Amino acid sequence: MPEEPSSAQSAAPDRDLEAAILGLLAHRAATSTICPSEAARVVGGEQWREQMDAARAAAARLEAAGVVDITQRGEVVDPATARGPIRIRRRPAATGREPDA
């Protein structure tokens, strides 16, 4: 009977996908976006399609951590409710200014 993967083994692809997303974004202009399929291709190679759900989940974790935004048609969306194609972009840095009162 095959052994179940350990939690450390199953977490490795998740970390790889998060690293792939961040790496792809680091090599793009600050306002550029990527598709989750780009990270899936980096991690999954020929079997990239099998990584698509995990790539979207990795993007959602990075969004929850405040690192990226998930967009559809240029608008920021909630990854938990987004259906259809999404894009990932770096979250704009805070300006450090107080809002005008």
PDB file of N, CA and C in Angstrom:
ATOM      1  N   MET A   1       0.843  -1.175   0.000  1.00  0.00           N
ATOM      2  CA  MET A   1       0.000   0.000   0.000  1.00  0.00           C
ATOM      3  C   MET A   1       0.893   1.245   0.000  1.00  0.00           C
ATOM      4  N   PRO A   2       0.621   2.231  -0.885  1.00  0.00           N
ATOM      5  CA  PRO A   2       1.459   3.436  -0.935  1.00  0.00           C
ATOM      6  C   PRO A   2       1.307   4.253   0.338  1.00  0.00           C
ATOM      7  N   GLU A   3       2.392   4.865   0.739  1.00  0.00           N
ATOM      8  CA  GLU A   3       2.366   5.719   1.918  1.00  0.00           C
ATOM      9  C   GLU A   3       1.766   7.070   1.571  1.00  0.00           C
ATOM     10  N   GLU A   4       1.086   7.638   2.550  1.00  0.00           N
ATOM     11  CA  GLU A   4       0.579   8.998   2.402  1.00  0.00           C
ATOM     12  C   GLU A   4       1.751   9.962   2.491  1.00  0.00           C
ATOM     13  N   PRO A   5       1.773  11.014   1.675  1.00  0.00           N
ATOM     14  CA  PRO A   5       2.864  11.980   1.797  1.00  0.00           C
ATOM     15  C   PRO A   5       2.795  12.677   3.151  1.00  0.00           C
ATOM     16  N   SER A   6       3.949  12.946   3.711  1.00  0.00           N
ATOM     17  CA  SER A   6       3.982  13.671   4.981  1.00  0.00           C
ATOM     18  C   SER A   6       3.546  15.108   4.738  1.00  0.00           C
ATOM     19  N   SER A   7       3.190  15.782   5.813  1.00  0.00           N
ATOM     20  CA  SER A   7       2.769  17.176   5.656  1.00  0.00           C
ATOM     21  C   SER A   7       3.908  18.025   5.117  1.00  0.00           C
ATOM     22  N   ALA A   8       5.153  17.670   5.462  1.00  0.00           N
ATOM     23  CA  ALA A   8       6.304  18.415   4.936  1.00  0.00           C
ATOM     24  C   ALA A   8       6.436  18.201   3.438  1.00  0.00           C
ATOM     25  N   GLN A   9       6.185  16.957   2.979  1.00  0.00           N
ATOM     26  CA  GLN A   9       6.277  16.681   1.546  1.00  0.00           C
ATOM     27  C   GLN A   9       5.166  17.393   0.784  1.00  0.00           C
ATOM     28  N   SER A  10       3.956  17.398   1.330  1.00  0.00           N
ATOM     29  CA  SER A  10       2.855  18.041   0.622  1.00  0.00           C
ATOM     30  C   SER A  10       2.967  19.557   0.673  1.00  0.00           C
ATOM     31  N   ALA A  11       3.661  20.102   1.669  1.00  0.00           N
ATOM     32  CA  ALA A  11       3.840  21.550   1.760  1.00  0.00           C
ATOM     33  C   ALA A  11       4.895  22.053   0.786  1.00  0.00           C
ATOM     34  N   ALA A  12       5.810  21.179   0.377  1.00  0.00           N
ATOM     35  CA  ALA A  12       6.894  21.602  -0.515  1.00  0.00           C
ATOM     36  C   ALA A  12       6.375  22.181  -1.829  1.00  0.00           C
ATOM     37  N   PRO A  13       5.448  21.520  -2.539  1.00  0.00           N
ATOM     38  CA  PRO A  13       4.949  22.129  -3.783  1.00  0.00           C
ATOM     39  C   PRO A  13       4.252  23.464  -3.540  1.00  0.00           C
ATOM     40  N   ASP A  14       3.552  23.593  -2.401  1.00  0.00           N
ATOM     41  CA  ASP A  14       2.903  24.866  -2.078  1.00  0.00           C
ATOM     42  C   ASP A  14       3.938  25.970  -1.941  1.00  0.00           C
ATOM     43  N   ARG A  15       5.013  25.690  -1.215  1.00  0.00           N
ATOM     44  CA  ARG A  15       6.085  26.682  -1.059  1.00  0.00           C
ATOM     45  C   ARG A  15       6.741  26.965  -2.405  1.00  0.00           C
ATOM     46  N   ASP A  16       6.902  25.921  -3.223  1.00  0.00           N
ATOM     47  CA  ASP A  16       7.495  26.118  -4.546  1.00  0.00           C
ATOM     48  C   ASP A  16       6.621  27.027  -5.404  1.00  0.00           C
ATOM     49  N   LEU A  17       5.314  26.846  -5.339  1.00  0.00           N
ATOM     50  CA  LEU A  17       4.404  27.691  -6.116  1.00  0.00           C
ATOM     51  C   LEU A  17       4.434  29.128  -5.619  1.00  0.00           C
ATOM     52  N   GLU A  18       4.446  29.314  -4.314  1.00  0.00           N
ATOM     53  CA  GLU A  18       4.538  30.676  -3.775  1.00  0.00           C
ATOM     54  C   GLU A  18       5.841  31.328  -4.216  1.00  0.00           C
ATOM     55  N   ALA A  19       6.939  30.579  -4.150  1.00  0.00           N
ATOM     56  CA  ALA A  19       8.241  31.115  -4.573  1.00  0.00           C
ATOM     57  C   ALA A  19       8.238  31.420  -6.063  1.00  0.00           C
ATOM     58  N   ALA A  20       7.588  30.574  -6.865  1.00  0.00           N
ATOM     59  CA  ALA A  20       7.521  30.813  -8.309  1.00  0.00           C
ATOM     60  C   ALA A  20       6.733  32.086  -8.602  1.00  0.00           C
ATOM     61  N   ILE A  21       5.618  32.282  -7.915  1.00  0.00           N
ATOM     62  CA  ILE A  21       4.822  33.501  -8.104  1.00  0.00           C
ATOM     63  C   ILE A  21       5.658  34.729  -7.779  1.00  0.00           C
ATOM     64  N   LEU A  22       6.306  34.708  -6.623  1.00  0.00           N
ATOM     65  CA  LEU A  22       7.115  35.863  -6.214  1.00  0.00           C
ATOM     66  C   LEU A  22       8.294  36.074  -7.154  1.00  0.00           C
ATOM     67  N   GLY A  23       8.913  34.997  -7.605  1.00  0.00           N
ATOM     68  CA  GLY A  23      10.037  35.115  -8.532  1.00  0.00           C
ATOM     69  C   GLY A  23       9.621  35.693  -9.871  1.00  0.00           C
ATOM     70  N   LEU A  24       8.496  35.221 -10.399  1.00  0.00           N
ATOM     71  CA  LEU A  24       8.002  35.755 -11.671  1.00  0.00           C
ATOM     72  C   LEU A  24       7.667  37.237 -11.544  1.00  0.00           C
ATOM     73  N   LEU A  25       7.018  37.612 -10.454  1.00  0.00           N
ATOM     74  CA  LEU A  25       6.671  39.020 -10.257  1.00  0.00           C
ATOM     75  C   LEU A  25       7.910  39.885 -10.073  1.00  0.00           C
ATOM     76  N   ALA A  26       8.936  39.344  -9.443  1.00  0.00           N
ATOM     77  CA  ALA A  26      10.169  40.107  -9.210  1.00  0.00           C
ATOM     78  C   ALA A  26      10.872  40.461 -10.512  1.00  0.00           C
ATOM     79  N   HIS A  27      10.636  39.668 -11.548  1.00  0.00           N
ATOM     80  CA  HIS A  27      11.282  39.910 -12.837  1.00  0.00           C
ATOM     81  C   HIS A  27      10.407  40.716 -13.791  1.00  0.00           C
ATOM     82  N   ARG A  28       9.323  41.264 -13.291  1.00  0.00           N
ATOM     83  CA  ARG A  28       8.407  42.077 -14.100  1.00  0.00           C
ATOM     84  C   ARG A  28       8.360  43.487 -13.540  1.00  0.00           C
ATOM     85  N   ALA A  29       7.819  44.375 -14.336  1.00  0.00           N
ATOM     86  CA  ALA A  29       7.595  45.745 -13.857  1.00  0.00           C
ATOM     87  C   ALA A  29       6.662  45.694 -12.649  1.00  0.00           C
ATOM     88  N   ALA A  30       6.773  46.680 -11.790  1.00  0.00           N
ATOM     89  CA  ALA A  30       6.007  46.703 -10.537  1.00  0.00           C
ATOM     90  C   ALA A  30       4.503  46.611 -10.763  1.00  0.00           C
ATOM     91  N   THR A  31       4.023  47.107 -11.884  1.00  0.00           N
ATOM     92  CA  THR A  31       2.583  47.100 -12.141  1.00  0.00           C
ATOM     93  C   THR A  31       2.136  45.926 -13.008  1.00  0.00           C
ATOM     94  N   SER A  32       3.072  45.073 -13.414  1.00  0.00           N
ATOM     95  CA  SER A  32       2.736  43.934 -14.272  1.00  0.00           C
ATOM     96  C   SER A  32       2.036  42.834 -13.485  1.00  0.00           C
ATOM     97  N   THR A  33       1.314  42.001 -14.216  1.00  0.00           N
ATOM     98  CA  THR A  33       0.625  40.867 -13.612  1.00  0.00           C
ATOM     99  C   THR A  33       1.121  39.573 -14.237  1.00  0.00           C
ATOM    100  N   ILE A  34       0.843  38.477 -13.530  1.00  0.00           N
ATOM    101  CA  ILE A  34       1.103  37.154 -14.085  1.00  0.00           C
ATOM    102  C   ILE A  34      -0.163  36.327 -13.961  1.00  0.00           C
ATOM    103  N   CYS A  35      -0.213  35.267 -14.730  1.00  0.00           N
ATOM    104  CA  CYS A  35      -1.290  34.296 -14.637  1.00  0.00           C
ATOM    105  C   CYS A  35      -0.819  33.166 -13.723  1.00  0.00           C
ATOM    106  N   PRO A  36      -1.695  32.594 -12.910  1.00  0.00           N
ATOM    107  CA  PRO A  36      -1.281  31.466 -12.081  1.00  0.00           C
ATOM    108  C   PRO A  36      -0.676  30.323 -12.895  1.00  0.00           C
ATOM    109  N   SER A  37      -1.081  30.200 -14.165  1.00  0.00           N
ATOM    110  CA  SER A  37      -0.535  29.126 -15.002  1.00  0.00           C
ATOM    111  C   SER A  37       0.966  29.275 -15.214  1.00  0.00           C
ATOM    112  N   GLU A  38       1.482  30.499 -15.152  1.00  0.00           N
ATOM    113  CA  GLU A  38       2.924  30.696 -15.303  1.00  0.00           C
ATOM    114  C   GLU A  38       3.672  30.035 -14.151  1.00  0.00           C
ATOM    115  N   ALA A  39       3.183  30.195 -12.932  1.00  0.00           N
ATOM    116  CA  ALA A  39       3.803  29.544 -11.773  1.00  0.00           C
ATOM    117  C   ALA A  39       3.613  28.035 -11.854  1.00  0.00           C
ATOM    118  N   ALA A  40       2.437  27.601 -12.294  1.00  0.00           N
ATOM    119  CA  ALA A  40       2.185  26.167 -12.438  1.00  0.00           C
ATOM    120  C   ALA A  40       3.150  25.544 -13.436  1.00  0.00           C
ATOM    121  N   ARG A  41       3.458  26.253 -14.513  1.00  0.00           N
ATOM    122  CA  ARG A  41       4.411  25.744 -15.503  1.00  0.00           C
ATOM    123  C   ARG A  41       5.818  25.646 -14.923  1.00  0.00           C
ATOM    124  N   VAL A  42       6.212  26.633 -14.116  1.00  0.00           N
ATOM    125  CA  VAL A  42       7.540  26.607 -13.495  1.00  0.00           C
ATOM    126  C   VAL A  42       7.668  25.378 -12.599  1.00  0.00           C
ATOM    127  N   VAL A  43       6.654  25.111 -11.796  1.00  0.00           N
ATOM    128  CA  VAL A  43       6.716  24.022 -10.818  1.00  0.00           C
ATOM    129  C   VAL A  43       6.351  22.675 -11.438  1.00  0.00           C
ATOM    130  N   GLY A  44       5.340  22.659 -12.296  1.00  0.00           N
ATOM    131  CA  GLY A  44       4.808  21.397 -12.799  1.00  0.00           C
ATOM    132  C   GLY A  44       5.359  20.909 -14.109  1.00  0.00           C
ATOM    133  N   GLY A  45       6.095  21.758 -14.824  1.00  0.00           N
ATOM    134  CA  GLY A  45       6.639  21.339 -16.114  1.00  0.00           C
ATOM    135  C   GLY A  45       5.539  20.894 -17.061  1.00  0.00           C
ATOM    136  N   GLU A  46       5.717  19.726 -17.665  1.00  0.00           N
ATOM    137  CA  GLU A  46       4.739  19.201 -18.630  1.00  0.00           C
ATOM    138  C   GLU A  46       3.373  18.932 -17.994  1.00  0.00           C
ATOM    139  N   GLN A  47       3.356  18.691 -16.690  1.00  0.00           N
ATOM    140  CA  GLN A  47       2.103  18.418 -15.982  1.00  0.00           C
ATOM    141  C   GLN A  47       1.580  19.668 -15.271  1.00  0.00           C
ATOM    142  N   TRP A  48       1.824  20.830 -15.843  1.00  0.00           N
ATOM    143  CA  TRP A  48       1.466  22.084 -15.193  1.00  0.00           C
ATOM    144  C   TRP A  48      -0.024  22.200 -14.900  1.00  0.00           C
ATOM    145  N   ARG A  49      -0.859  21.615 -15.754  1.00  0.00           N
ATOM    146  CA  ARG A  49      -2.309  21.740 -15.536  1.00  0.00           C
ATOM    147  C   ARG A  49      -2.731  21.135 -14.197  1.00  0.00           C
ATOM    148  N   GLU A  50      -2.009  20.098 -13.762  1.00  0.00           N
ATOM    149  CA  GLU A  50      -2.311  19.468 -12.475  1.00  0.00           C
ATOM    150  C   GLU A  50      -2.012  20.408 -11.305  1.00  0.00           C
ATOM    151  N   GLN A  51      -1.246  21.454 -11.544  1.00  0.00           N
ATOM    152  CA  GLN A  51      -0.853  22.394 -10.495  1.00  0.00           C
ATOM    153  C   GLN A  51      -1.737  23.642 -10.438  1.00  0.00           C
ATOM    154  N   MET A  52      -2.715  23.753 -11.332  1.00  0.00           N
ATOM    155  CA  MET A  52      -3.486  24.996 -11.418  1.00  0.00           C
ATOM    156  C   MET A  52      -4.267  25.325 -10.143  1.00  0.00           C
ATOM    157  N   ASP A  53      -4.969  24.360  -9.575  1.00  0.00           N
ATOM    158  CA  ASP A  53      -5.711  24.655  -8.340  1.00  0.00           C
ATOM    159  C   ASP A  53      -4.753  25.051  -7.227  1.00  0.00           C
ATOM    160  N   ALA A  54      -3.625  24.351  -7.140  1.00  0.00           N
ATOM    161  CA  ALA A  54      -2.626  24.665  -6.112  1.00  0.00           C
ATOM    162  C   ALA A  54      -2.009  26.041  -6.356  1.00  0.00           C
ATOM    163  N   ALA A  55      -1.835  26.421  -7.628  1.00  0.00           N
ATOM    164  CA  ALA A  55      -1.271  27.739  -7.942  1.00  0.00           C
ATOM    165  C   ALA A  55      -2.239  28.845  -7.526  1.00  0.00           C
ATOM    166  N   ARG A  56      -3.518  28.644  -7.778  1.00  0.00           N
ATOM    167  CA  ARG A  56      -4.510  29.631  -7.338  1.00  0.00           C
ATOM    168  C   ARG A  56      -4.551  29.713  -5.816  1.00  0.00           C
ATOM    169  N   ALA A  57      -4.426  28.563  -5.151  1.00  0.00           N
ATOM    170  CA  ALA A  57      -4.413  28.547  -3.684  1.00  0.00           C
ATOM    171  C   ALA A  57      -3.169  29.252  -3.147  1.00  0.00           C
ATOM    172  N   ALA A  58      -2.030  29.055  -3.800  1.00  0.00           N
ATOM    173  CA  ALA A  58      -0.794  29.732  -3.382  1.00  0.00           C
ATOM    174  C   ALA A  58      -0.954  31.239  -3.526  1.00  0.00           C
ATOM    175  N   ALA A  59      -1.570  31.667  -4.625  1.00  0.00           N
ATOM    176  CA  ALA A  59      -1.813  33.097  -4.826  1.00  0.00           C
ATOM    177  C   ALA A  59      -2.737  33.636  -3.736  1.00  0.00           C
ATOM    178  N   ALA A  60      -3.744  32.861  -3.366  1.00  0.00           N
ATOM    179  CA  ALA A  60      -4.673  33.292  -2.311  1.00  0.00           C
ATOM    180  C   ALA A  60      -3.954  33.425  -0.968  1.00  0.00           C
ATOM    181  N   ARG A  61      -3.029  32.513  -0.680  1.00  0.00           N
ATOM    182  CA  ARG A  61      -2.263  32.625   0.572  1.00  0.00           C
ATOM    183  C   ARG A  61      -1.398  33.880   0.566  1.00  0.00           C
ATOM    184  N   LEU A  62      -0.771  34.162  -0.568  1.00  0.00           N
ATOM    185  CA  LEU A  62       0.057  35.368  -0.664  1.00  0.00           C
ATOM    186  C   LEU A  62      -0.803  36.625  -0.553  1.00  0.00           C
ATOM    187  N   GLU A  63      -2.019  36.565  -1.083  1.00  0.00           N
ATOM    188  CA  GLU A  63      -2.943  37.704  -0.964  1.00  0.00           C
ATOM    189  C   GLU A  63      -3.331  37.900   0.496  1.00  0.00           C
ATOM    190  N   ALA A  64      -3.623  36.811   1.190  1.00  0.00           N
ATOM    191  CA  ALA A  64      -3.993  36.895   2.605  1.00  0.00           C
ATOM    192  C   ALA A  64      -2.846  37.436   3.457  1.00  0.00           C
ATOM    193  N   ALA A  65      -1.613  37.181   3.017  1.00  0.00           N
ATOM    194  CA  ALA A  65      -0.433  37.677   3.736  1.00  0.00           C
ATOM    195  C   ALA A  65      -0.119  39.126   3.383  1.00  0.00           C
ATOM    196  N   GLY A  66      -0.891  39.708   2.453  1.00  0.00           N
ATOM    197  CA  GLY A  66      -0.683  41.106   2.090  1.00  0.00           C
ATOM    198  C   GLY A  66       0.429  41.348   1.095  1.00  0.00           C
ATOM    199  N   VAL A  67       0.846  40.298   0.380  1.00  0.00           N
ATOM    200  CA  VAL A  67       1.980  40.411  -0.541  1.00  0.00           C
ATOM    201  C   VAL A  67       1.528  40.717  -1.969  1.00  0.00           C
ATOM    202  N   VAL A  68       0.404  40.144  -2.390  1.00  0.00           N
ATOM    203  CA  VAL A  68      -0.073  40.312  -3.760  1.00  0.00           C
ATOM    204  C   VAL A  68      -1.549  40.680  -3.751  1.00  0.00           C
ATOM    205  N   ASP A  69      -2.015  41.149  -4.900  1.00  0.00           N
ATOM    206  CA  ASP A  69      -3.438  41.347  -5.153  1.00  0.00           C
ATOM    207  C   ASP A  69      -3.855  40.353  -6.223  1.00  0.00           C
ATOM    208  N   ILE A  70      -5.086  39.910  -6.157  1.00  0.00           N
ATOM    209  CA  ILE A  70      -5.685  39.061  -7.179  1.00  0.00           C
ATOM    210  C   ILE A  70      -6.653  39.951  -7.951  1.00  0.00           C
ATOM    211  N   THR A  71      -6.540  39.940  -9.274  1.00  0.00           N
ATOM    212  CA  THR A  71      -7.394  40.813 -10.079  1.00  0.00           C
ATOM    213  C   THR A  71      -8.134  40.025 -11.157  1.00  0.00           C
ATOM    214  N   GLN A  72      -9.245  40.599 -11.581  1.00  0.00           N
ATOM    215  CA  GLN A  72      -9.990  40.165 -12.756  1.00  0.00           C
ATOM    216  C   GLN A  72     -10.394  41.425 -13.495  1.00  0.00           C
ATOM    217  N   ARG A  73     -10.110  41.452 -14.775  1.00  0.00           N
ATOM    218  CA  ARG A  73     -10.404  42.627 -15.607  1.00  0.00           C
ATOM    219  C   ARG A  73      -9.867  43.907 -14.975  1.00  0.00           C
ATOM    220  N   GLY A  74      -8.696  43.802 -14.320  1.00  0.00           N
ATOM    221  CA  GLY A  74      -8.033  44.964 -13.750  1.00  0.00           C
ATOM    222  C   GLY A  74      -8.522  45.398 -12.383  1.00  0.00           C
ATOM    223  N   GLU A  75      -9.549  44.754 -11.862  1.00  0.00           N
ATOM    224  CA  GLU A  75     -10.105  45.105 -10.555  1.00  0.00           C
ATOM    225  C   GLU A  75      -9.685  44.075  -9.516  1.00  0.00           C
ATOM    226  N   VAL A  76      -9.339  44.541  -8.319  1.00  0.00           N
ATOM    227  CA  VAL A  76      -8.986  43.630  -7.228  1.00  0.00           C
ATOM    228  C   VAL A  76     -10.229  42.851  -6.816  1.00  0.00           C
ATOM    229  N   VAL A  77     -10.064  41.530  -6.665  1.00  0.00           N
ATOM    230  CA  VAL A  77     -11.172  40.662  -6.280  1.00  0.00           C
ATOM    231  C   VAL A  77     -10.753  39.792  -5.098  1.00  0.00           C
ATOM    232  N   ASP A  78     -11.742  39.229  -4.441  1.00  0.00           N
ATOM    233  CA  ASP A  78     -11.515  38.288  -3.349  1.00  0.00           C
ATOM    234  C   ASP A  78     -11.218  36.925  -3.980  1.00  0.00           C
ATOM    235  N   PRO A  79     -10.053  36.341  -3.699  1.00  0.00           N
ATOM    236  CA  PRO A  79      -9.731  35.058  -4.320  1.00  0.00           C
ATOM    237  C   PRO A  79     -10.686  33.936  -3.913  1.00  0.00           C
ATOM    238  N   ALA A  80     -11.350  34.071  -2.776  1.00  0.00           N
ATOM    239  CA  ALA A  80     -12.283  33.036  -2.332  1.00  0.00           C
ATOM    240  C   ALA A  80     -13.542  32.991  -3.188  1.00  0.00           C
ATOM    241  N   THR A  81     -13.891  34.110  -3.802  1.00  0.00           N
ATOM    242  CA  THR A  81     -15.119  34.160  -4.593  1.00  0.00           C
ATOM    243  C   THR A  81     -14.860  34.346  -6.080  1.00  0.00           C
ATOM    244  N   ALA A  82     -13.608  34.552  -6.469  1.00  0.00           N
ATOM    245  CA  ALA A  82     -13.284  34.777  -7.883  1.00  0.00           C
ATOM    246  C   ALA A  82     -13.521  33.502  -8.680  1.00  0.00           C
ATOM    247  N   ARG A  83     -14.200  33.632  -9.783  1.00  0.00           N
ATOM    248  CA  ARG A  83     -14.440  32.523 -10.702  1.00  0.00           C
ATOM    249  C   ARG A  83     -13.899  32.935 -12.057  1.00  0.00           C
ATOM    250  N   GLY A  84     -13.292  32.006 -12.753  1.00  0.00           N
ATOM    251  CA  GLY A  84     -12.737  32.305 -14.064  1.00  0.00           C
ATOM    252  C   GLY A  84     -11.306  32.783 -13.960  1.00  0.00           C
ATOM    253  N   PRO A  85     -10.806  33.339 -15.065  1.00  0.00           N
ATOM    254  CA  PRO A  85      -9.393  33.742 -15.113  1.00  0.00           C
ATOM    255  C   PRO A  85      -9.070  34.838 -14.102  1.00  0.00           C
ATOM    256  N   ILE A  86      -7.933  34.679 -13.449  1.00  0.00           N
ATOM    257  CA  ILE A  86      -7.440  35.700 -12.523  1.00  0.00           C
ATOM    258  C   ILE A  86      -6.025  36.077 -12.914  1.00  0.00           C
ATOM    259  N   ARG A  87      -5.584  37.210 -12.422  1.00  0.00           N
ATOM    260  CA  ARG A  87      -4.198  37.661 -12.583  1.00  0.00           C
ATOM    261  C   ARG A  87      -3.660  37.966 -11.196  1.00  0.00           C
ATOM    262  N   ILE A  88      -2.347  37.925 -11.074  1.00  0.00           N
ATOM    263  CA  ILE A  88      -1.682  38.189  -9.797  1.00  0.00           C
ATOM    264  C   ILE A  88      -0.729  39.352 -10.001  1.00  0.00           C
ATOM    265  N   ARG A  89      -0.753  40.317  -9.080  1.00  0.00           N
ATOM    266  CA  ARG A  89       0.192  41.427  -9.152  1.00  0.00           C
ATOM    267  C   ARG A  89       0.738  41.709  -7.759  1.00  0.00           C
ATOM    268  N   ARG A  90       1.913  42.318  -7.734  1.00  0.00           N
ATOM    269  CA  ARG A  90       2.454  42.752  -6.447  1.00  0.00           C
ATOM    270  C   ARG A  90       1.528  43.795  -5.854  1.00  0.00           C
ATOM    271  N   ARG A  91       1.351  43.740  -4.560  1.00  0.00           N
ATOM    272  CA  ARG A  91       0.535  44.754  -3.897  1.00  0.00           C
ATOM    273  C   ARG A  91       1.327  46.053  -3.881  1.00  0.00           C
ATOM    274  N   PRO A  92       0.717  47.148  -4.301  1.00  0.00           N
ATOM    275  CA  PRO A  92       1.440  48.425  -4.284  1.00  0.00           C
ATOM    276  C   PRO A  92       1.922  48.751  -2.874  1.00  0.00           C
ATOM    277  N   ALA A  93       3.119  49.284  -2.782  1.00  0.00           N
ATOM    278  CA  ALA A  93       3.681  49.669  -1.484  1.00  0.00           C
ATOM    279  C   ALA A  93       2.915  50.857  -0.934  1.00  0.00           C
ATOM    280  N   ALA A  94       2.796  50.901   0.362  1.00  0.00           N
ATOM    281  CA  ALA A  94       2.147  52.047   1.010  1.00  0.00           C
ATOM    282  C   ALA A  94       3.000  53.283   0.774  1.00  0.00           C
ATOM    283  N   THR A  95       2.355  54.406   0.616  1.00  0.00           N
ATOM    284  CA  THR A  95       3.082  55.645   0.335  1.00  0.00           C
ATOM    285  C   THR A  95       3.705  56.234   1.582  1.00  0.00           C
ATOM    286  N   GLY A  96       3.237  55.828   2.752  1.00  0.00           N
ATOM    287  CA  GLY A  96       3.771  56.390   3.987  1.00  0.00           C
ATOM    288  C   GLY A  96       3.134  57.713   4.365  1.00  0.00           C
ATOM    289  N   ARG A  97       2.193  58.181   3.534  1.00  0.00           N
ATOM    290  CA  ARG A  97       1.506  59.441   3.834  1.00  0.00           C
ATOM    291  C   ARG A  97       0.227  59.149   4.592  1.00  0.00           C
ATOM    292  N   GLU A  98      -0.124  60.065   5.456  1.00  0.00           N
ATOM    293  CA  GLU A  98      -1.406  59.984   6.135  1.00  0.00           C
ATOM    294  C   GLU A  98      -2.481  60.447   5.153  1.00  0.00           C
ATOM    295  N   PRO A  99      -3.652  59.801   5.168  1.00  0.00           N
ATOM    296  CA  PRO A  99      -4.726  60.274   4.293  1.00  0.00           C
ATOM    297  C   PRO A  99      -5.145  61.690   4.682  1.00  0.00           C
ATOM    298  N   ASP A 100      -5.557  62.454   3.689  1.00  0.00           N
ATOM    299  CA  ASP A 100      -6.038  63.810   3.960  1.00  0.00           C
ATOM    300  C   ASP A 100      -7.305  63.731   4.803  1.00  0.00           C
ATOM    301  N   ALA A 101      -7.384  64.563   5.824  1.00  0.00           N
ATOM    302  CA  ALA A 101      -8.553  64.532   6.714  1.00  0.00           C
ATOM    303  C   ALA A 101      -9.585  65.523   6.269  1.00  0.00           C
TER     304      ALA A 101
END
